[in-house]
Amino acid sequence: MISFLLTVKRMLTGLLHAFKEKTFKTLFILTLLILLSGTLFYREVEHFTVVDALYFSAMTLTTVGTAELAPHTDLGKIFTVIYTFAGIGVIFGVIYYIAKGIHFSSSSKGK
């Protein structure tokens, strides 16, 4: 449990450092908009609950995937392909800046 809390602390520190960069702020807002659009789409078209739609959107964009949920309509499947290709780069950009912030905070403590 302690290691989990330390990991969360490092991630939050990295997030705070990342927010100092304008590019990260843009990517972060874009990520929220992409997650919102996916959530709304899956809620309306696939009739997922809001939580399931958000969960599926996040799992899709982070390439984790989920066996429990999948689009059932052709429109949902086509949307998911486009959604994945459009969103993965943005999500990985956010992850990059958070990792960069974690690295910066770790390297600055040693000085």
PDB file of N, CA and C in Angstrom:
ATOM      1  N   MET A   1       0.824  -1.199   0.000  1.00  0.00           N
ATOM      2  CA  MET A   1       0.000   0.000   0.000  1.00  0.00           C
ATOM      3  C   MET A   1       0.864   1.259   0.000  1.00  0.00           C
ATOM      4  N   ILE A   2       1.972   1.206   0.740  1.00  0.00           N
ATOM      5  CA  ILE A   2       2.861   2.361   0.803  1.00  0.00           C
ATOM      6  C   ILE A   2       3.462   2.646  -0.570  1.00  0.00           C
ATOM      7  N   SER A   3       3.852   1.589  -1.290  1.00  0.00           N
ATOM      8  CA  SER A   3       4.431   1.803  -2.615  1.00  0.00           C
ATOM      9  C   SER A   3       3.404   2.409  -3.571  1.00  0.00           C
ATOM     10  N   PHE A   4       2.145   2.008  -3.426  1.00  0.00           N
ATOM     11  CA  PHE A   4       1.092   2.585  -4.260  1.00  0.00           C
ATOM     12  C   PHE A   4       0.946   4.084  -3.973  1.00  0.00           C
ATOM     13  N   LEU A   5       0.935   4.445  -2.701  1.00  0.00           N
ATOM     14  CA  LEU A   5       0.807   5.857  -2.327  1.00  0.00           C
ATOM     15  C   LEU A   5       2.007   6.671  -2.808  1.00  0.00           C
ATOM     16  N   LEU A   6       3.196   6.095  -2.742  1.00  0.00           N
ATOM     17  CA  LEU A   6       4.385   6.790  -3.243  1.00  0.00           C
ATOM     18  C   LEU A   6       4.312   6.970  -4.761  1.00  0.00           C
ATOM     19  N   THR A   7       3.784   5.967  -5.441  1.00  0.00           N
ATOM     20  CA  THR A   7       3.623   6.062  -6.895  1.00  0.00           C
ATOM     21  C   THR A   7       2.607   7.148  -7.255  1.00  0.00           C
ATOM     22  N   VAL A   8       1.505   7.212  -6.533  1.00  0.00           N
ATOM     23  CA  VAL A   8       0.496   8.252  -6.770  1.00  0.00           C
ATOM     24  C   VAL A   8       1.101   9.627  -6.513  1.00  0.00           C
ATOM     25  N   LYS A   9       1.901   9.749  -5.461  1.00  0.00           N
ATOM     26  CA  LYS A   9       2.560  11.023  -5.149  1.00  0.00           C
ATOM     27  C   LYS A   9       3.494  11.436  -6.295  1.00  0.00           C
ATOM     28  N   ARG A  10       4.282  10.482  -6.809  1.00  0.00           N
ATOM     29  CA  ARG A  10       5.176  10.784  -7.933  1.00  0.00           C
ATOM     30  C   ARG A  10       4.383  11.200  -9.160  1.00  0.00           C
ATOM     31  N   MET A  11       3.270  10.519  -9.422  1.00  0.00           N
ATOM     32  CA  MET A  11       2.459  10.857 -10.583  1.00  0.00           C
ATOM     33  C   MET A  11       1.863  12.260 -10.447  1.00  0.00           C
ATOM     34  N   LEU A  12       1.370  12.590  -9.275  1.00  0.00           N
ATOM     35  CA  LEU A  12       0.806  13.925  -9.058  1.00  0.00           C
ATOM     36  C   LEU A  12       1.879  15.002  -9.172  1.00  0.00           C
ATOM     37  N   THR A  13       3.087  14.704  -8.682  1.00  0.00           N
ATOM     38  CA  THR A  13       4.199  15.643  -8.834  1.00  0.00           C
ATOM     39  C   THR A  13       4.515  15.845 -10.313  1.00  0.00           C
ATOM     40  N   GLY A  14       4.550  14.753 -11.067  1.00  0.00           N
ATOM     41  CA  GLY A  14       4.787  14.853 -12.504  1.00  0.00           C
ATOM     42  C   GLY A  14       3.690  15.630 -13.207  1.00  0.00           C
ATOM     43  N   LEU A  15       2.471  15.436 -12.768  1.00  0.00           N
ATOM     44  CA  LEU A  15       1.336  16.162 -13.339  1.00  0.00           C
ATOM     45  C   LEU A  15       1.459  17.658 -13.078  1.00  0.00           C
ATOM     46  N   LEU A  16       1.840  18.024 -11.873  1.00  0.00           N
ATOM     47  CA  LEU A  16       2.025  19.445 -11.543  1.00  0.00           C
ATOM     48  C   LEU A  16       3.132  20.070 -12.387  1.00  0.00           C
ATOM     49  N   HIS A  17       4.229  19.348 -12.585  1.00  0.00           N
ATOM     50  CA  HIS A  17       5.307  19.863 -13.444  1.00  0.00           C
ATOM     51  C   HIS A  17       4.832  19.976 -14.890  1.00  0.00           C
ATOM     52  N   ALA A  18       4.071  18.995 -15.345  1.00  0.00           N
ATOM     53  CA  ALA A  18       3.597  19.003 -16.729  1.00  0.00           C
ATOM     54  C   ALA A  18       2.676  20.186 -16.993  1.00  0.00           C
ATOM     55  N   PHE A  19       1.867  20.568 -16.005  1.00  0.00           N
ATOM     56  CA  PHE A  19       0.932  21.679 -16.201  1.00  0.00           C
ATOM     57  C   PHE A  19       1.638  23.013 -16.393  1.00  0.00           C
ATOM     58  N   LYS A  20       2.928  23.069 -16.155  1.00  0.00           N
ATOM     59  CA  LYS A  20       3.683  24.302 -16.378  1.00  0.00           C
ATOM     60  C   LYS A  20       3.957  24.540 -17.860  1.00  0.00           C
ATOM     61  N   GLU A  21       3.729  23.516 -18.676  1.00  0.00           N
ATOM     62  CA  GLU A  21       3.984  23.624 -20.114  1.00  0.00           C
ATOM     63  C   GLU A  21       2.669  23.834 -20.870  1.00  0.00           C
ATOM     64  N   LYS A  22       2.699  24.807 -21.762  1.00  0.00           N
ATOM     65  CA  LYS A  22       1.496  25.152 -22.520  1.00  0.00           C
ATOM     66  C   LYS A  22       1.020  23.983 -23.393  1.00  0.00           C
ATOM     67  N   THR A  23       1.958  23.276 -23.990  1.00  0.00           N
ATOM     68  CA  THR A  23       1.596  22.141 -24.844  1.00  0.00           C
ATOM     69  C   THR A  23       0.838  21.088 -24.055  1.00  0.00           C
ATOM     70  N   PHE A  24       1.280  20.829 -22.820  1.00  0.00           N
ATOM     71  CA  PHE A  24       0.592  19.840 -21.995  1.00  0.00           C
ATOM     72  C   PHE A  24      -0.832  20.290 -21.693  1.00  0.00           C
ATOM     73  N   LYS A  25      -1.005  21.556 -21.375  1.00  0.00           N
ATOM     74  CA  LYS A  25      -2.357  22.050 -21.071  1.00  0.00           C
ATOM     75  C   LYS A  25      -3.284  21.819 -22.257  1.00  0.00           C
ATOM     76  N   THR A  26      -2.780  22.089 -23.446  1.00  0.00           N
ATOM     77  CA  THR A  26      -3.577  21.875 -24.658  1.00  0.00           C
ATOM     78  C   THR A  26      -3.907  20.396 -24.831  1.00  0.00           C
ATOM     79  N   LEU A  27      -2.906  19.533 -24.674  1.00  0.00           N
ATOM     80  CA  LEU A  27      -3.133  18.092 -24.804  1.00  0.00           C
ATOM     81  C   LEU A  27      -4.099  17.574 -23.738  1.00  0.00           C
ATOM     82  N   PHE A  28      -3.998  18.109 -22.535  1.00  0.00           N
ATOM     83  CA  PHE A  28      -4.863  17.674 -21.441  1.00  0.00           C
ATOM     84  C   PHE A  28      -6.321  18.023 -21.727  1.00  0.00           C
ATOM     85  N   ILE A  29      -6.556  19.242 -22.180  1.00  0.00           N
ATOM     86  CA  ILE A  29      -7.924  19.661 -22.522  1.00  0.00           C
ATOM     87  C   ILE A  29      -8.443  18.841 -23.700  1.00  0.00           C
ATOM     88  N   LEU A  30      -7.587  18.619 -24.682  1.00  0.00           N
ATOM     89  CA  LEU A  30      -7.982  17.807 -25.831  1.00  0.00           C
ATOM     90  C   LEU A  30      -8.314  16.379 -25.397  1.00  0.00           C
ATOM     91  N   THR A  31      -7.557  15.839 -24.466  1.00  0.00           N
ATOM     92  CA  THR A  31      -7.836  14.506 -23.931  1.00  0.00           C
ATOM     93  C   THR A  31      -9.201  14.455 -23.261  1.00  0.00           C
ATOM     94  N   LEU A  32      -9.493  15.454 -22.449  1.00  0.00           N
ATOM     95  CA  LEU A  32     -10.804  15.505 -21.794  1.00  0.00           C
ATOM     96  C   LEU A  32     -11.931  15.576 -22.822  1.00  0.00           C
ATOM     97  N   LEU A  33     -11.738  16.369 -23.869  1.00  0.00           N
ATOM     98  CA  LEU A  33     -12.762  16.483 -24.919  1.00  0.00           C
ATOM     99  C   LEU A  33     -12.929  15.167 -25.679  1.00  0.00           C
ATOM    100  N   ILE A  34     -11.817  14.494 -25.959  1.00  0.00           N
ATOM    101  CA  ILE A  34     -11.889  13.207 -26.656  1.00  0.00           C
ATOM    102  C   ILE A  34     -12.603  12.173 -25.789  1.00  0.00           C
ATOM    103  N   LEU A  35     -12.262  12.130 -24.501  1.00  0.00           N
ATOM    104  CA  LEU A  35     -12.945  11.196 -23.600  1.00  0.00           C
ATOM    105  C   LEU A  35     -14.433  11.516 -23.490  1.00  0.00           C
ATOM    106  N   LEU A  36     -14.760  12.793 -23.423  1.00  0.00           N
ATOM    107  CA  LEU A  36     -16.164  13.202 -23.358  1.00  0.00           C
ATOM    108  C   LEU A  36     -16.906  12.795 -24.625  1.00  0.00           C
ATOM    109  N   SER A  37     -16.300  13.033 -25.783  1.00  0.00           N
ATOM    110  CA  SER A  37     -16.973  12.679 -27.039  1.00  0.00           C
ATOM    111  C   SER A  37     -17.173  11.171 -27.150  1.00  0.00           C
ATOM    112  N   GLY A  38     -16.164  10.392 -26.766  1.00  0.00           N
ATOM    113  CA  GLY A  38     -16.313   8.934 -26.791  1.00  0.00           C
ATOM    114  C   GLY A  38     -17.382   8.461 -25.828  1.00  0.00           C
ATOM    115  N   THR A  39     -17.392   9.044 -24.635  1.00  0.00           N
ATOM    116  CA  THR A  39     -18.381   8.672 -23.626  1.00  0.00           C
ATOM    117  C   THR A  39     -19.793   8.964 -24.126  1.00  0.00           C
ATOM    118  N   LEU A  40     -19.982  10.134 -24.687  1.00  0.00           N
ATOM    119  CA  LEU A  40     -21.312  10.495 -25.207  1.00  0.00           C
ATOM    120  C   LEU A  40     -21.724   9.583 -26.359  1.00  0.00           C
ATOM    121  N   PHE A  41     -20.771   9.300 -27.249  1.00  0.00           N
ATOM    122  CA  PHE A  41     -21.088   8.436 -28.387  1.00  0.00           C
ATOM    123  C   PHE A  41     -21.501   7.045 -27.921  1.00  0.00           C
ATOM    124  N   TYR A  42     -20.671   6.424 -27.083  1.00  0.00           N
ATOM    125  CA  TYR A  42     -20.974   5.064 -26.634  1.00  0.00           C
ATOM    126  C   TYR A  42     -22.235   5.009 -25.780  1.00  0.00           C
ATOM    127  N   ARG A  43     -22.521   6.084 -25.096  1.00  0.00           N
ATOM    128  CA  ARG A  43     -23.756   6.150 -24.297  1.00  0.00           C
ATOM    129  C   ARG A  43     -24.973   6.163 -25.216  1.00  0.00           C
ATOM    130  N   GLU A  44     -24.913   6.970 -26.241  1.00  0.00           N
ATOM    131  CA  GLU A  44     -26.068   7.129 -27.133  1.00  0.00           C
ATOM    132  C   GLU A  44     -26.203   6.002 -28.150  1.00  0.00           C
ATOM    133  N   VAL A  45     -25.110   5.618 -28.779  1.00  0.00           N
ATOM    134  CA  VAL A  45     -25.186   4.647 -29.875  1.00  0.00           C
ATOM    135  C   VAL A  45     -25.158   3.205 -29.375  1.00  0.00           C
ATOM    136  N   GLU A  46     -24.273   2.926 -28.431  1.00  0.00           N
ATOM    137  CA  GLU A  46     -24.134   1.550 -27.938  1.00  0.00           C
ATOM    138  C   GLU A  46     -24.961   1.286 -26.680  1.00  0.00           C
ATOM    139  N   HIS A  47     -25.566   2.328 -26.130  1.00  0.00           N
ATOM    140  CA  HIS A  47     -26.407   2.239 -24.933  1.00  0.00           C
ATOM    141  C   HIS A  47     -25.653   1.712 -23.714  1.00  0.00           C
ATOM    142  N   PHE A  48     -24.356   2.090 -23.618  1.00  0.00           N
ATOM    143  CA  PHE A  48     -23.582   1.783 -22.418  1.00  0.00           C
ATOM    144  C   PHE A  48     -24.022   2.738 -21.319  1.00  0.00           C
ATOM    145  N   THR A  49     -23.842   2.345 -20.065  1.00  0.00           N
ATOM    146  CA  THR A  49     -24.044   3.314 -18.982  1.00  0.00           C
ATOM    147  C   THR A  49     -22.948   4.367 -19.104  1.00  0.00           C
ATOM    148  N   VAL A  50     -23.116   5.488 -18.433  1.00  0.00           N
ATOM    149  CA  VAL A  50     -22.114   6.557 -18.506  1.00  0.00           C
ATOM    150  C   VAL A  50     -20.761   6.043 -18.007  1.00  0.00           C
ATOM    151  N   VAL A  51     -20.767   5.316 -16.914  1.00  0.00           N
ATOM    152  CA  VAL A  51     -19.518   4.782 -16.366  1.00  0.00           C
ATOM    153  C   VAL A  51     -18.889   3.779 -17.331  1.00  0.00           C
ATOM    154  N   ASP A  52     -19.687   2.881 -17.902  1.00  0.00           N
ATOM    155  CA  ASP A  52     -19.161   1.912 -18.870  1.00  0.00           C
ATOM    156  C   ASP A  52     -18.625   2.614 -20.115  1.00  0.00           C
ATOM    157  N   ALA A  53     -19.318   3.639 -20.568  1.00  0.00           N
ATOM    158  CA  ALA A  53     -18.879   4.375 -21.754  1.00  0.00           C
ATOM    159  C   ALA A  53     -17.552   5.084 -21.495  1.00  0.00           C
ATOM    160  N   LEU A  54     -17.420   5.712 -20.332  1.00  0.00           N
ATOM    161  CA  LEU A  54     -16.154   6.370 -19.981  1.00  0.00           C
ATOM    162  C   LEU A  54     -15.044   5.335 -19.839  1.00  0.00           C
ATOM    163  N   TYR A  55     -15.350   4.244 -19.171  1.00  0.00           N
ATOM    164  CA  TYR A  55     -14.375   3.159 -18.990  1.00  0.00           C
ATOM    165  C   TYR A  55     -13.918   2.615 -20.345  1.00  0.00           C
ATOM    166  N   PHE A  56     -14.861   2.335 -21.240  1.00  0.00           N
ATOM    167  CA  PHE A  56     -14.504   1.811 -22.555  1.00  0.00           C
ATOM    168  C   PHE A  56     -13.679   2.825 -23.336  1.00  0.00           C
ATOM    169  N   SER A  57     -14.032   4.092 -23.251  1.00  0.00           N
ATOM    170  CA  SER A  57     -13.280   5.143 -23.945  1.00  0.00           C
ATOM    171  C   SER A  57     -11.841   5.195 -23.452  1.00  0.00           C
ATOM    172  N   ALA A  58     -11.657   5.177 -22.147  1.00  0.00           N
ATOM    173  CA  ALA A  58     -10.307   5.231 -21.572  1.00  0.00           C
ATOM    174  C   ALA A  58      -9.505   3.981 -21.917  1.00  0.00           C
ATOM    175  N   MET A  59     -10.127   2.827 -21.836  1.00  0.00           N
ATOM    176  CA  MET A  59      -9.422   1.582 -22.149  1.00  0.00           C
ATOM    177  C   MET A  59      -9.030   1.528 -23.629  1.00  0.00           C
ATOM    178  N   THR A  60      -9.880   2.056 -24.484  1.00  0.00           N
ATOM    179  CA  THR A  60      -9.593   2.073 -25.912  1.00  0.00           C
ATOM    180  C   THR A  60      -8.429   3.010 -26.210  1.00  0.00           C
ATOM    181  N   LEU A  61      -8.454   4.215 -25.658  1.00  0.00           N
ATOM    182  CA  LEU A  61      -7.419   5.203 -25.954  1.00  0.00           C
ATOM    183  C   LEU A  61      -6.063   4.854 -25.356  1.00  0.00           C
ATOM    184  N   THR A  62      -6.045   4.113 -24.283  1.00  0.00           N
ATOM    185  CA  THR A  62      -4.762   3.721 -23.692  1.00  0.00           C
ATOM    186  C   THR A  62      -4.295   2.372 -24.220  1.00  0.00           C
ATOM    187  N   THR A  63      -5.009   1.818 -25.152  1.00  0.00           N
ATOM    188  CA  THR A  63      -4.737   0.538 -25.814  1.00  0.00           C
ATOM    189  C   THR A  63      -4.746  -0.644 -24.850  1.00  0.00           C
ATOM    190  N   VAL A  64      -5.365  -0.490 -23.700  1.00  0.00           N
ATOM    191  CA  VAL A  64      -5.485  -1.596 -22.751  1.00  0.00           C
ATOM    192  C   VAL A  64      -6.541  -2.573 -23.245  1.00  0.00           C
ATOM    193  N   GLY A  65      -7.651  -2.044 -23.698  1.00  0.00           N
ATOM    194  CA  GLY A  65      -8.742  -2.882 -24.169  1.00  0.00           C
ATOM    195  C   GLY A  65      -9.520  -3.495 -23.017  1.00  0.00           C
ATOM    196  N   THR A  66     -10.658  -4.034 -23.339  1.00  0.00           N
ATOM    197  CA  THR A  66     -11.498  -4.679 -22.343  1.00  0.00           C
ATOM    198  C   THR A  66     -12.323  -5.769 -23.023  1.00  0.00           C
ATOM    199  N   ALA A  67     -12.388  -6.910 -22.392  1.00  0.00           N
ATOM    200  CA  ALA A  67     -13.141  -8.020 -22.969  1.00  0.00           C
ATOM    201  C   ALA A  67     -14.630  -7.925 -22.657  1.00  0.00           C
ATOM    202  N   GLU A  68     -14.974  -7.213 -21.568  1.00  0.00           N
ATOM    203  CA  GLU A  68     -16.378  -7.153 -21.146  1.00  0.00           C
ATOM    204  C   GLU A  68     -17.231  -6.259 -22.043  1.00  0.00           C
ATOM    205  N   LEU A  69     -16.628  -5.205 -22.564  1.00  0.00           N
ATOM    206  CA  LEU A  69     -17.383  -4.244 -23.367  1.00  0.00           C
ATOM    207  C   LEU A  69     -16.828  -4.204 -24.782  1.00  0.00           C
ATOM    208  N   ALA A  70     -17.719  -4.084 -25.727  1.00  0.00           N
ATOM    209  CA  ALA A  70     -17.329  -3.941 -27.128  1.00  0.00           C
ATOM    210  C   ALA A  70     -18.507  -3.332 -27.872  1.00  0.00           C
ATOM    211  N   PRO A  71     -18.227  -2.539 -28.896  1.00  0.00           N
ATOM    212  CA  PRO A  71     -19.334  -2.009 -29.687  1.00  0.00           C
ATOM    213  C   PRO A  71     -20.041  -3.138 -30.437  1.00  0.00           C
ATOM    214  N   HIS A  72     -21.352  -3.019 -30.532  1.00  0.00           N
ATOM    215  CA  HIS A  72     -22.144  -4.052 -31.191  1.00  0.00           C
ATOM    216  C   HIS A  72     -22.667  -3.604 -32.552  1.00  0.00           C
ATOM    217  N   THR A  73     -22.758  -2.301 -32.761  1.00  0.00           N
ATOM    218  CA  THR A  73     -23.275  -1.795 -34.026  1.00  0.00           C
ATOM    219  C   THR A  73     -22.112  -1.553 -34.992  1.00  0.00           C
ATOM    220  N   ASP A  74     -22.423  -1.562 -36.278  1.00  0.00           N
ATOM    221  CA  ASP A  74     -21.402  -1.258 -37.281  1.00  0.00           C
ATOM    222  C   ASP A  74     -20.884   0.174 -37.111  1.00  0.00           C
ATOM    223  N   LEU A  75     -21.799   1.097 -36.827  1.00  0.00           N
ATOM    224  CA  LEU A  75     -21.395   2.486 -36.606  1.00  0.00           C
ATOM    225  C   LEU A  75     -20.448   2.581 -35.412  1.00  0.00           C
ATOM    226  N   GLY A  76     -20.749   1.847 -34.354  1.00  0.00           N
ATOM    227  CA  GLY A  76     -19.891   1.844 -33.172  1.00  0.00           C
ATOM    228  C   GLY A  76     -18.516   1.287 -33.466  1.00  0.00           C
ATOM    229  N   LYS A  77     -18.445   0.258 -34.274  1.00  0.00           N
ATOM    230  CA  LYS A  77     -17.158  -0.344 -34.632  1.00  0.00           C
ATOM    231  C   LYS A  77     -16.335   0.600 -35.502  1.00  0.00           C
ATOM    232  N   ILE A  78     -16.980   1.238 -36.466  1.00  0.00           N
ATOM    233  CA  ILE A  78     -16.276   2.196 -37.328  1.00  0.00           C
ATOM    234  C   ILE A  78     -15.800   3.390 -36.503  1.00  0.00           C
ATOM    235  N   PHE A  79     -16.669   3.897 -35.634  1.00  0.00           N
ATOM    236  CA  PHE A  79     -16.291   5.009 -34.765  1.00  0.00           C
ATOM    237  C   PHE A  79     -15.092   4.631 -33.903  1.00  0.00           C
ATOM    238  N   THR A  80     -15.078   3.415 -33.367  1.00  0.00           N
ATOM    239  CA  THR A  80     -14.002   2.977 -32.486  1.00  0.00           C
ATOM    240  C   THR A  80     -12.662   2.953 -33.219  1.00  0.00           C
ATOM    241  N   VAL A  81     -12.657   2.522 -34.455  1.00  0.00           N
ATOM    242  CA  VAL A  81     -11.418   2.514 -35.248  1.00  0.00           C
ATOM    243  C   VAL A  81     -10.898   3.939 -35.414  1.00  0.00           C
ATOM    244  N   ILE A  82     -11.761   4.839 -35.822  1.00  0.00           N
ATOM    245  CA  ILE A  82     -11.359   6.234 -36.031  1.00  0.00           C
ATOM    246  C   ILE A  82     -10.980   6.880 -34.704  1.00  0.00           C
ATOM    247  N   TYR A  83     -11.773   6.637 -33.685  1.00  0.00           N
ATOM    248  CA  TYR A  83     -11.545   7.174 -32.344  1.00  0.00           C
ATOM    249  C   TYR A  83     -10.179   6.740 -31.802  1.00  0.00           C
ATOM    250  N   THR A  84      -9.842   5.477 -32.015  1.00  0.00           N
ATOM    251  CA  THR A  84      -8.562   4.956 -31.544  1.00  0.00           C
ATOM    252  C   THR A  84      -7.403   5.641 -32.240  1.00  0.00           C
ATOM    253  N   PHE A  85      -7.439   5.685 -33.559  1.00  0.00           N
ATOM    254  CA  PHE A  85      -6.348   6.305 -34.295  1.00  0.00           C
ATOM    255  C   PHE A  85      -6.218   7.801 -33.987  1.00  0.00           C
ATOM    256  N   ALA A  86      -7.332   8.460 -33.804  1.00  0.00           N
ATOM    257  CA  ALA A  86      -7.297   9.896 -33.517  1.00  0.00           C
ATOM    258  C   ALA A  86      -6.834  10.196 -32.096  1.00  0.00           C
ATOM    259  N   GLY A  87      -7.167   9.326 -31.160  1.00  0.00           N
ATOM    260  CA  GLY A  87      -6.910   9.637 -29.758  1.00  0.00           C
ATOM    261  C   GLY A  87      -5.637   9.097 -29.153  1.00  0.00           C
ATOM    262  N   ILE A  88      -5.080   8.028 -29.703  1.00  0.00           N
ATOM    263  CA  ILE A  88      -3.904   7.411 -29.091  1.00  0.00           C
ATOM    264  C   ILE A  88      -2.736   8.387 -29.000  1.00  0.00           C
ATOM    265  N   GLY A  89      -2.479   9.113 -30.056  1.00  0.00           N
ATOM    266  CA  GLY A  89      -1.358  10.058 -30.044  1.00  0.00           C
ATOM    267  C   GLY A  89      -1.519  11.127 -28.978  1.00  0.00           C
ATOM    268  N   VAL A  90      -2.726  11.606 -28.820  1.00  0.00           N
ATOM    269  CA  VAL A  90      -2.994  12.634 -27.817  1.00  0.00           C
ATOM    270  C   VAL A  90      -2.782  12.073 -26.408  1.00  0.00           C
ATOM    271  N   ILE A  91      -3.317  10.891 -26.153  1.00  0.00           N
ATOM    272  CA  ILE A  91      -3.162  10.254 -24.839  1.00  0.00           C
ATOM    273  C   ILE A  91      -1.693  10.001 -24.538  1.00  0.00           C
ATOM    274  N   PHE A  92      -0.956   9.483 -25.506  1.00  0.00           N
ATOM    275  CA  PHE A  92       0.462   9.214 -25.262  1.00  0.00           C
ATOM    276  C   PHE A  92       1.255  10.506 -25.085  1.00  0.00           C
ATOM    277  N   GLY A  93       0.808  11.585 -25.724  1.00  0.00           N
ATOM    278  CA  GLY A  93       1.441  12.887 -25.489  1.00  0.00           C
ATOM    279  C   GLY A  93       1.267  13.321 -24.041  1.00  0.00           C
ATOM    280  N   VAL A  94       0.082  13.142 -23.500  1.00  0.00           N
ATOM    281  CA  VAL A  94      -0.187  13.472 -22.091  1.00  0.00           C
ATOM    282  C   VAL A  94       0.691  12.613 -21.185  1.00  0.00           C
ATOM    283  N   ILE A  95       0.752  11.322 -21.473  1.00  0.00           N
ATOM    284  CA  ILE A  95       1.565  10.414 -20.664  1.00  0.00           C
ATOM    285  C   ILE A  95       3.040  10.813 -20.740  1.00  0.00           C
ATOM    286  N   TYR A  96       3.508  11.205 -21.928  1.00  0.00           N
ATOM    287  CA  TYR A  96       4.894  11.643 -22.095  1.00  0.00           C
ATOM    288  C   TYR A  96       5.208  12.835 -21.194  1.00  0.00           C
ATOM    289  N   TYR A  97       4.342  13.840 -21.205  1.00  0.00           N
ATOM    290  CA  TYR A  97       4.600  15.030 -20.401  1.00  0.00           C
ATOM    291  C   TYR A  97       4.544  14.736 -18.901  1.00  0.00           C
ATOM    292  N   ILE A  98       3.677  13.840 -18.490  1.00  0.00           N
ATOM    293  CA  ILE A  98       3.641  13.452 -17.073  1.00  0.00           C
ATOM    294  C   ILE A  98       4.930  12.723 -16.708  1.00  0.00           C
ATOM    295  N   ALA A  99       5.376  11.803 -17.567  1.00  0.00           N
ATOM    296  CA  ALA A  99       6.629  11.086 -17.313  1.00  0.00           C
ATOM    297  C   ALA A  99       7.809  12.050 -17.289  1.00  0.00           C
ATOM    298  N   LYS A 100       7.794  13.015 -18.185  1.00  0.00           N
ATOM    299  CA  LYS A 100       8.847  14.032 -18.223  1.00  0.00           C
ATOM    300  C   LYS A 100       8.846  14.834 -16.920  1.00  0.00           C
ATOM    301  N   GLY A 101       7.669  15.163 -16.418  1.00  0.00           N
ATOM    302  CA  GLY A 101       7.557  15.879 -15.146  1.00  0.00           C
ATOM    303  C   GLY A 101       8.056  15.049 -13.982  1.00  0.00           C
ATOM    304  N   ILE A 102       7.776  13.739 -14.002  1.00  0.00           N
ATOM    305  CA  ILE A 102       8.273  12.845 -12.954  1.00  0.00           C
ATOM    306  C   ILE A 102       9.802  12.788 -13.012  1.00  0.00           C
ATOM    307  N   HIS A 103      10.341  12.670 -14.208  1.00  0.00           N
ATOM    308  CA  HIS A 103      11.797  12.628 -14.371  1.00  0.00           C
ATOM    309  C   HIS A 103      12.437  13.936 -13.912  1.00  0.00           C
ATOM    310  N   PHE A 104      11.815  15.056 -14.281  1.00  0.00           N
ATOM    311  CA  PHE A 104      12.346  16.365 -13.888  1.00  0.00           C
ATOM    312  C   PHE A 104      12.347  16.504 -12.361  1.00  0.00           C
ATOM    313  N   SER A 105      11.244  16.109 -11.727  1.00  0.00           N
ATOM    314  CA  SER A 105      11.164  16.249 -10.262  1.00  0.00           C
ATOM    315  C   SER A 105      12.142  15.303  -9.568  1.00  0.00           C
ATOM    316  N   SER A 106      12.360  14.115 -10.150  1.00  0.00           N
ATOM    317  CA  SER A 106      13.310  13.156  -9.558  1.00  0.00           C
ATOM    318  C   SER A 106      14.737  13.637  -9.713  1.00  0.00           C
ATOM    319  N   SER A 107      15.068  14.190 -10.887  1.00  0.00           N
ATOM    320  CA  SER A 107      16.441  14.634 -11.125  1.00  0.00           C
ATOM    321  C   SER A 107      16.757  15.930 -10.393  1.00  0.00           C
ATOM    322  N   SER A 108      15.752  16.756 -10.148  1.00  0.00           N
ATOM    323  CA  SER A 108      16.017  18.018  -9.439  1.00  0.00           C
ATOM    324  C   SER A 108      16.192  17.812  -7.935  1.00  0.00           C
ATOM    325  N   LYS A 109      15.710  16.690  -7.403  1.00  0.00           N
ATOM    326  CA  LYS A 109      15.892  16.397  -5.968  1.00  0.00           C
ATOM    327  C   LYS A 109      17.326  16.022  -5.666  1.00  0.00           C
ATOM    328  N   GLY A 110      18.012  15.466  -6.639  1.00  0.00           N
ATOM    329  CA  GLY A 110      19.390  15.050  -6.422  1.00  0.00           C
ATOM    330  C   GLY A 110      20.373  16.203  -6.440  1.00  0.00           C
ATOM    331  N   LYS A 111      19.944  17.370  -6.846  1.00  0.00           N
ATOM    332  CA  LYS A 111      20.855  18.532  -6.954  1.00  0.00           C
ATOM    333  C   LYS A 111      20.839  19.349  -5.702  1.00  0.00           C
TER     334      LYS A 111
END
